[in-house]
Amino acid sequence: MAKSNKYPNGYVPKIKYWASQLNNPKFTNTYILNKIDYFTTKEQIRLRRLELMEQRDGEEGLRYIGG
């Protein structure tokens, strides 16, 4: 069974949310910055995986048409 993606549209909404919480007395800024760092890293990994998948798909397409 395929693992469902909790964030199919990426982590940008989470990054924006936590950035909007800076200076919110409910959270420490250190906690918020750690959240921003976490989701930024996850987004970078997600984008890299998409890039690699597109690259792989392009190479498979070229092999299919004899390139």
PDB file of N, CA and C in Angstrom:
ATOM      1  N   MET A   1       0.848  -1.180   0.000  1.00  0.00           N
ATOM      2  CA  MET A   1       0.000   0.000   0.000  1.00  0.00           C
ATOM      3  C   MET A   1       0.891   1.239   0.000  1.00  0.00           C
ATOM      4  N   ALA A   2       0.571   2.173  -0.859  1.00  0.00           N
ATOM      5  CA  ALA A   2       1.370   3.400  -0.974  1.00  0.00           C
ATOM      6  C   ALA A   2       1.122   4.304   0.240  1.00  0.00           C
ATOM      7  N   LYS A   3       2.177   4.923   0.679  1.00  0.00           N
ATOM      8  CA  LYS A   3       2.088   5.868   1.787  1.00  0.00           C
ATOM      9  C   LYS A   3       1.412   7.149   1.292  1.00  0.00           C
ATOM     10  N   SER A   4       0.383   7.591   2.020  1.00  0.00           N
ATOM     11  CA  SER A   4      -0.290   8.821   1.585  1.00  0.00           C
ATOM     12  C   SER A   4       0.538  10.023   2.023  1.00  0.00           C
ATOM     13  N   ASN A   5       0.556  11.031   1.185  1.00  0.00           N
ATOM     14  CA  ASN A   5       1.333  12.229   1.464  1.00  0.00           C
ATOM     15  C   ASN A   5       0.485  13.195   2.282  1.00  0.00           C
ATOM     16  N   LYS A   6       0.957  13.498   3.468  1.00  0.00           N
ATOM     17  CA  LYS A   6       0.225  14.389   4.366  1.00  0.00           C
ATOM     18  C   LYS A   6       0.177  15.817   3.825  1.00  0.00           C
ATOM     19  N   TYR A   7       1.168  16.183   3.017  1.00  0.00           N
ATOM     20  CA  TYR A   7       1.250  17.532   2.450  1.00  0.00           C
ATOM     21  C   TYR A   7       1.425  17.433   0.937  1.00  0.00           C
ATOM     22  N   PRO A   8       0.375  17.067   0.211  1.00  0.00           N
ATOM     23  CA  PRO A   8       0.526  16.868  -1.235  1.00  0.00           C
ATOM     24  C   PRO A   8       0.887  18.144  -1.991  1.00  0.00           C
ATOM     25  N   ASN A   9       0.589  19.309  -1.427  1.00  0.00           N
ATOM     26  CA  ASN A   9       0.916  20.575  -2.081  1.00  0.00           C
ATOM     27  C   ASN A   9       2.167  21.210  -1.509  1.00  0.00           C
ATOM     28  N   GLY A  10       2.922  20.441  -0.775  1.00  0.00           N
ATOM     29  CA  GLY A  10       4.166  20.950  -0.220  1.00  0.00           C
ATOM     30  C   GLY A  10       4.007  21.543   1.169  1.00  0.00           C
ATOM     31  N   TYR A  11       5.096  22.075   1.655  1.00  0.00           N
ATOM     32  CA  TYR A  11       5.178  22.575   3.016  1.00  0.00           C
ATOM     33  C   TYR A  11       5.125  24.095   3.108  1.00  0.00           C
ATOM     34  N   VAL A  12       4.969  24.778   1.988  1.00  0.00           N
ATOM     35  CA  VAL A  12       4.948  26.240   1.983  1.00  0.00           C
ATOM     36  C   VAL A  12       3.852  26.794   2.899  1.00  0.00           C
ATOM     37  N   PRO A  13       2.635  26.237   2.887  1.00  0.00           N
ATOM     38  CA  PRO A  13       1.627  26.758   3.823  1.00  0.00           C
ATOM     39  C   PRO A  13       2.057  26.649   5.293  1.00  0.00           C
ATOM     40  N   LYS A  14       2.725  25.575   5.646  1.00  0.00           N
ATOM     41  CA  LYS A  14       3.211  25.415   7.016  1.00  0.00           C
ATOM     42  C   LYS A  14       4.302  26.439   7.326  1.00  0.00           C
ATOM     43  N   ILE A  15       5.180  26.667   6.368  1.00  0.00           N
ATOM     44  CA  ILE A  15       6.253  27.648   6.554  1.00  0.00           C
ATOM     45  C   ILE A  15       5.643  29.035   6.762  1.00  0.00           C
ATOM     46  N   LYS A  16       4.658  29.371   5.936  1.00  0.00           N
ATOM     47  CA  LYS A  16       4.000  30.678   6.066  1.00  0.00           C
ATOM     48  C   LYS A  16       3.282  30.808   7.402  1.00  0.00           C
ATOM     49  N   TYR A  17       2.621  29.735   7.823  1.00  0.00           N
ATOM     50  CA  TYR A  17       1.920  29.778   9.107  1.00  0.00           C
ATOM     51  C   TYR A  17       2.899  30.068  10.239  1.00  0.00           C
ATOM     52  N   TRP A  18       3.981  29.301  10.287  1.00  0.00           N
ATOM     53  CA  TRP A  18       4.923  29.481  11.396  1.00  0.00           C
ATOM     54  C   TRP A  18       5.618  30.833  11.316  1.00  0.00           C
ATOM     55  N   ALA A  19       5.885  31.317  10.120  1.00  0.00           N
ATOM     56  CA  ALA A  19       6.482  32.655   9.995  1.00  0.00           C
ATOM     57  C   ALA A  19       5.522  33.718  10.533  1.00  0.00           C
ATOM     58  N   SER A  20       4.230  33.500  10.341  1.00  0.00           N
ATOM     59  CA  SER A  20       3.246  34.472  10.846  1.00  0.00           C
ATOM     60  C   SER A  20       3.130  34.432  12.370  1.00  0.00           C
ATOM     61  N   GLN A  21       3.642  33.383  12.976  1.00  0.00           N
ATOM     62  CA  GLN A  21       3.548  33.235  14.426  1.00  0.00           C
ATOM     63  C   GLN A  21       4.736  33.847  15.178  1.00  0.00           C
ATOM     64  N   LEU A  22       5.720  34.352  14.443  1.00  0.00           N
ATOM     65  CA  LEU A  22       6.861  34.981  15.113  1.00  0.00           C
ATOM     66  C   LEU A  22       6.354  36.078  16.039  1.00  0.00           C
ATOM     67  N   ASN A  23       6.915  36.142  17.193  1.00  0.00           N
ATOM     68  CA  ASN A  23       6.547  37.098  18.241  1.00  0.00           C
ATOM     69  C   ASN A  23       5.170  36.836  18.864  1.00  0.00           C
ATOM     70  N   ASN A  24       4.577  35.701  18.553  1.00  0.00           N
ATOM     71  CA  ASN A  24       3.343  35.302  19.226  1.00  0.00           C
ATOM     72  C   ASN A  24       3.740  34.815  20.620  1.00  0.00           C
ATOM     73  N   PRO A  25       3.191  35.420  21.679  1.00  0.00           N
ATOM     74  CA  PRO A  25       3.594  35.036  23.028  1.00  0.00           C
ATOM     75  C   PRO A  25       3.251  33.590  23.392  1.00  0.00           C
ATOM     76  N   LYS A  26       2.410  32.965  22.599  1.00  0.00           N
ATOM     77  CA  LYS A  26       2.038  31.568  22.844  1.00  0.00           C
ATOM     78  C   LYS A  26       3.227  30.621  22.604  1.00  0.00           C
ATOM     79  N   PHE A  27       4.146  31.027  21.722  1.00  0.00           N
ATOM     80  CA  PHE A  27       5.305  30.206  21.363  1.00  0.00           C
ATOM     81  C   PHE A  27       6.583  31.011  21.558  1.00  0.00           C
ATOM     82  N   THR A  28       7.685  30.321  21.831  1.00  0.00           N
ATOM     83  CA  THR A  28       8.969  31.027  21.841  1.00  0.00           C
ATOM     84  C   THR A  28       9.439  31.159  20.393  1.00  0.00           C
ATOM     85  N   ASN A  29      10.182  32.214  20.118  1.00  0.00           N
ATOM     86  CA  ASN A  29      10.696  32.389  18.757  1.00  0.00           C
ATOM     87  C   ASN A  29      11.634  31.258  18.375  1.00  0.00           C
ATOM     88  N   THR A  30      12.351  30.697  19.333  1.00  0.00           N
ATOM     89  CA  THR A  30      13.236  29.562  19.042  1.00  0.00           C
ATOM     90  C   THR A  30      12.417  28.374  18.550  1.00  0.00           C
ATOM     91  N   TYR A  31      11.303  28.110  19.201  1.00  0.00           N
ATOM     92  CA  TYR A  31      10.415  27.019  18.790  1.00  0.00           C
ATOM     93  C   TYR A  31       9.911  27.255  17.366  1.00  0.00           C
ATOM     94  N   ILE A  32       9.488  28.476  17.092  1.00  0.00           N
ATOM     95  CA  ILE A  32       8.964  28.825  15.767  1.00  0.00           C
ATOM     96  C   ILE A  32      10.048  28.701  14.706  1.00  0.00           C
ATOM     97  N   LEU A  33      11.240  29.197  15.001  1.00  0.00           N
ATOM     98  CA  LEU A  33      12.338  29.104  14.029  1.00  0.00           C
ATOM     99  C   LEU A  33      12.710  27.654  13.754  1.00  0.00           C
ATOM    100  N   ASN A  34      12.624  26.819  14.778  1.00  0.00           N
ATOM    101  CA  ASN A  34      12.877  25.385  14.573  1.00  0.00           C
ATOM    102  C   ASN A  34      11.819  24.775  13.661  1.00  0.00           C
ATOM    103  N   LYS A  35      10.564  25.184  13.831  1.00  0.00           N
ATOM    104  CA  LYS A  35       9.489  24.701  12.954  1.00  0.00           C
ATOM    105  C   LYS A  35       9.724  25.164  11.512  1.00  0.00           C
ATOM    106  N   ILE A  36      10.076  26.422  11.339  1.00  0.00           N
ATOM    107  CA  ILE A  36      10.340  26.959   9.998  1.00  0.00           C
ATOM    108  C   ILE A  36      11.499  26.206   9.351  1.00  0.00           C
ATOM    109  N   ASP A  37      12.554  25.970  10.114  1.00  0.00           N
ATOM    110  CA  ASP A  37      13.706  25.230   9.604  1.00  0.00           C
ATOM    111  C   ASP A  37      13.305  23.808   9.204  1.00  0.00           C
ATOM    112  N   TYR A  38      12.524  23.158  10.051  1.00  0.00           N
ATOM    113  CA  TYR A  38      12.077  21.791   9.779  1.00  0.00           C
ATOM    114  C   TYR A  38      11.288  21.722   8.473  1.00  0.00           C
ATOM    115  N   PHE A  39      10.279  22.593   8.326  1.00  0.00           N
ATOM    116  CA  PHE A  39       9.438  22.539   7.139  1.00  0.00           C
ATOM    117  C   PHE A  39      10.166  23.036   5.894  1.00  0.00           C
ATOM    118  N   THR A  40      11.104  23.951   6.045  1.00  0.00           N
ATOM    119  CA  THR A  40      11.908  24.394   4.906  1.00  0.00           C
ATOM    120  C   THR A  40      12.767  23.247   4.388  1.00  0.00           C
ATOM    121  N   THR A  41      13.363  22.503   5.296  1.00  0.00           N
ATOM    122  CA  THR A  41      14.171  21.344   4.907  1.00  0.00           C
ATOM    123  C   THR A  41      13.306  20.298   4.216  1.00  0.00           C
ATOM    124  N   LYS A  42      12.126  20.027   4.776  1.00  0.00           N
ATOM    125  CA  LYS A  42      11.216  19.053   4.167  1.00  0.00           C
ATOM    126  C   LYS A  42      10.807  19.496   2.755  1.00  0.00           C
ATOM    127  N   GLU A  43      10.567  20.791   2.569  1.00  0.00           N
ATOM    128  CA  GLU A  43      10.186  21.308   1.252  1.00  0.00           C
ATOM    129  C   GLU A  43      11.345  21.171   0.267  1.00  0.00           C
ATOM    130  N   GLN A  44      12.554  21.438   0.706  1.00  0.00           N
ATOM    131  CA  GLN A  44      13.714  21.286  -0.175  1.00  0.00           C
ATOM    132  C   GLN A  44      13.874  19.830  -0.609  1.00  0.00           C
ATOM    133  N   ILE A  45      13.678  18.913   0.309  1.00  0.00           N
ATOM    134  CA  ILE A  45      13.766  17.479  -0.009  1.00  0.00           C
ATOM    135  C   ILE A  45      12.664  17.096  -0.992  1.00  0.00           C
ATOM    136  N   ARG A  46      11.447  17.581  -0.756  1.00  0.00           N
ATOM    137  CA  ARG A  46      10.313  17.287  -1.630  1.00  0.00           C
ATOM    138  C   ARG A  46      10.567  17.790  -3.045  1.00  0.00           C
ATOM    139  N   LEU A  47      11.081  19.024  -3.155  1.00  0.00           N
ATOM    140  CA  LEU A  47      11.361  19.587  -4.479  1.00  0.00           C
ATOM    141  C   LEU A  47      12.464  18.824  -5.189  1.00  0.00           C
ATOM    142  N   ARG A  48      13.472  18.398  -4.451  1.00  0.00           N
ATOM    143  CA  ARG A  48      14.572  17.627  -5.053  1.00  0.00           C
ATOM    144  C   ARG A  48      14.061  16.287  -5.570  1.00  0.00           C
ATOM    145  N   ARG A  49      13.188  15.640  -4.787  1.00  0.00           N
ATOM    146  CA  ARG A  49      12.621  14.360  -5.228  1.00  0.00           C
ATOM    147  C   ARG A  49      11.800  14.542  -6.501  1.00  0.00           C
ATOM    148  N   LEU A  50      10.998  15.605  -6.551  1.00  0.00           N
ATOM    149  CA  LEU A  50      10.213  15.876  -7.761  1.00  0.00           C
ATOM    150  C   LEU A  50      11.122  16.102  -8.961  1.00  0.00           C
ATOM    151  N   GLU A  51      12.187  16.857  -8.730  1.00  0.00           N
ATOM    152  CA  GLU A  51      13.150  17.126  -9.804  1.00  0.00           C
ATOM    153  C   GLU A  51      13.763  15.832 -10.321  1.00  0.00           C
ATOM    154  N   LEU A  52      14.145  14.952  -9.402  1.00  0.00           N
ATOM    155  CA  LEU A  52      14.751  13.684  -9.801  1.00  0.00           C
ATOM    156  C   LEU A  52      13.746  12.793 -10.531  1.00  0.00           C
ATOM    157  N   MET A  53      12.495  12.803 -10.075  1.00  0.00           N
ATOM    158  CA  MET A  53      11.463  12.004 -10.746  1.00  0.00           C
ATOM    159  C   MET A  53      11.216  12.516 -12.155  1.00  0.00           C
ATOM    160  N   GLU A  54      11.161  13.832 -12.337  1.00  0.00           N
ATOM    161  CA  GLU A  54      10.966  14.407 -13.666  1.00  0.00           C
ATOM    162  C   GLU A  54      12.138  14.077 -14.575  1.00  0.00           C
ATOM    163  N   GLN A  55      13.332  14.143 -14.010  1.00  0.00           N
ATOM    164  CA  GLN A  55      14.530  13.826 -14.785  1.00  0.00           C
ATOM    165  C   GLN A  55      14.497  12.363 -15.219  1.00  0.00           C
ATOM    166  N   ARG A  56      14.138  11.485 -14.288  1.00  0.00           N
ATOM    167  CA  ARG A  56      14.069  10.055 -14.597  1.00  0.00           C
ATOM    168  C   ARG A  56      13.000   9.782 -15.648  1.00  0.00           C
ATOM    169  N   ASP A  57      11.832  10.413 -15.486  1.00  0.00           N
ATOM    170  CA  ASP A  57      10.751  10.211 -16.445  1.00  0.00           C
ATOM    171  C   ASP A  57      11.153  10.699 -17.838  1.00  0.00           C
ATOM    172  N   GLY A  58      11.879  11.801 -17.900  1.00  0.00           N
ATOM    173  CA  GLY A  58      12.350  12.311 -19.182  1.00  0.00           C
ATOM    174  C   GLY A  58      13.323  11.354 -19.841  1.00  0.00           C
ATOM    175  N   GLU A  59      14.209  10.759 -19.055  1.00  0.00           N
ATOM    176  CA  GLU A  59      15.173   9.801 -19.593  1.00  0.00           C
ATOM    177  C   GLU A  59      14.473   8.537 -20.080  1.00  0.00           C
ATOM    178  N   GLU A  60      13.457   8.089 -19.335  1.00  0.00           N
ATOM    179  CA  GLU A  60      12.707   6.904 -19.760  1.00  0.00           C
ATOM    180  C   GLU A  60      11.952   7.188 -21.052  1.00  0.00           C
ATOM    181  N   GLY A  61      11.423   8.398 -21.176  1.00  0.00           N
ATOM    182  CA  GLY A  61      10.738   8.772 -22.411  1.00  0.00           C
ATOM    183  C   GLY A  61      11.673   8.758 -23.596  1.00  0.00           C
ATOM    184  N   LEU A  62      12.892   9.227 -23.398  1.00  0.00           N
ATOM    185  CA  LEU A  62      13.874   9.227 -24.485  1.00  0.00           C
ATOM    186  C   LEU A  62      14.239   7.807 -24.892  1.00  0.00           C
ATOM    187  N   ARG A  63      14.380   6.918 -23.911  1.00  0.00           N
ATOM    188  CA  ARG A  63      14.694   5.523 -24.234  1.00  0.00           C
ATOM    189  C   ARG A  63      13.543   4.895 -25.018  1.00  0.00           C
ATOM    190  N   TYR A  64      12.300   5.249 -24.639  1.00  0.00           N
ATOM    191  CA  TYR A  64      11.116   4.690 -25.289  1.00  0.00           C
ATOM    192  C   TYR A  64      11.052   5.079 -26.764  1.00  0.00           C
ATOM    193  N   ILE A  65      11.428   6.328 -27.063  1.00  0.00           N
ATOM    194  CA  ILE A  65      11.360   6.771 -28.457  1.00  0.00           C
ATOM    195  C   ILE A  65      12.690   6.530 -29.199  1.00  0.00           C
ATOM    196  N   GLY A  66      13.638   5.901 -28.499  1.00  0.00           N
ATOM    197  CA  GLY A  66      14.882   5.536 -29.164  1.00  0.00           C
ATOM    198  C   GLY A  66      15.955   6.594 -29.102  1.00  0.00           C
ATOM    199  N   GLY A  67      15.859   7.519 -28.127  1.00  0.00           N
ATOM    200  CA  GLY A  67      16.838   8.595 -28.000  1.00  0.00           C
ATOM    201  C   GLY A  67      18.038   8.242 -27.202  1.00  0.00           C
TER     202      GLY A  67
END
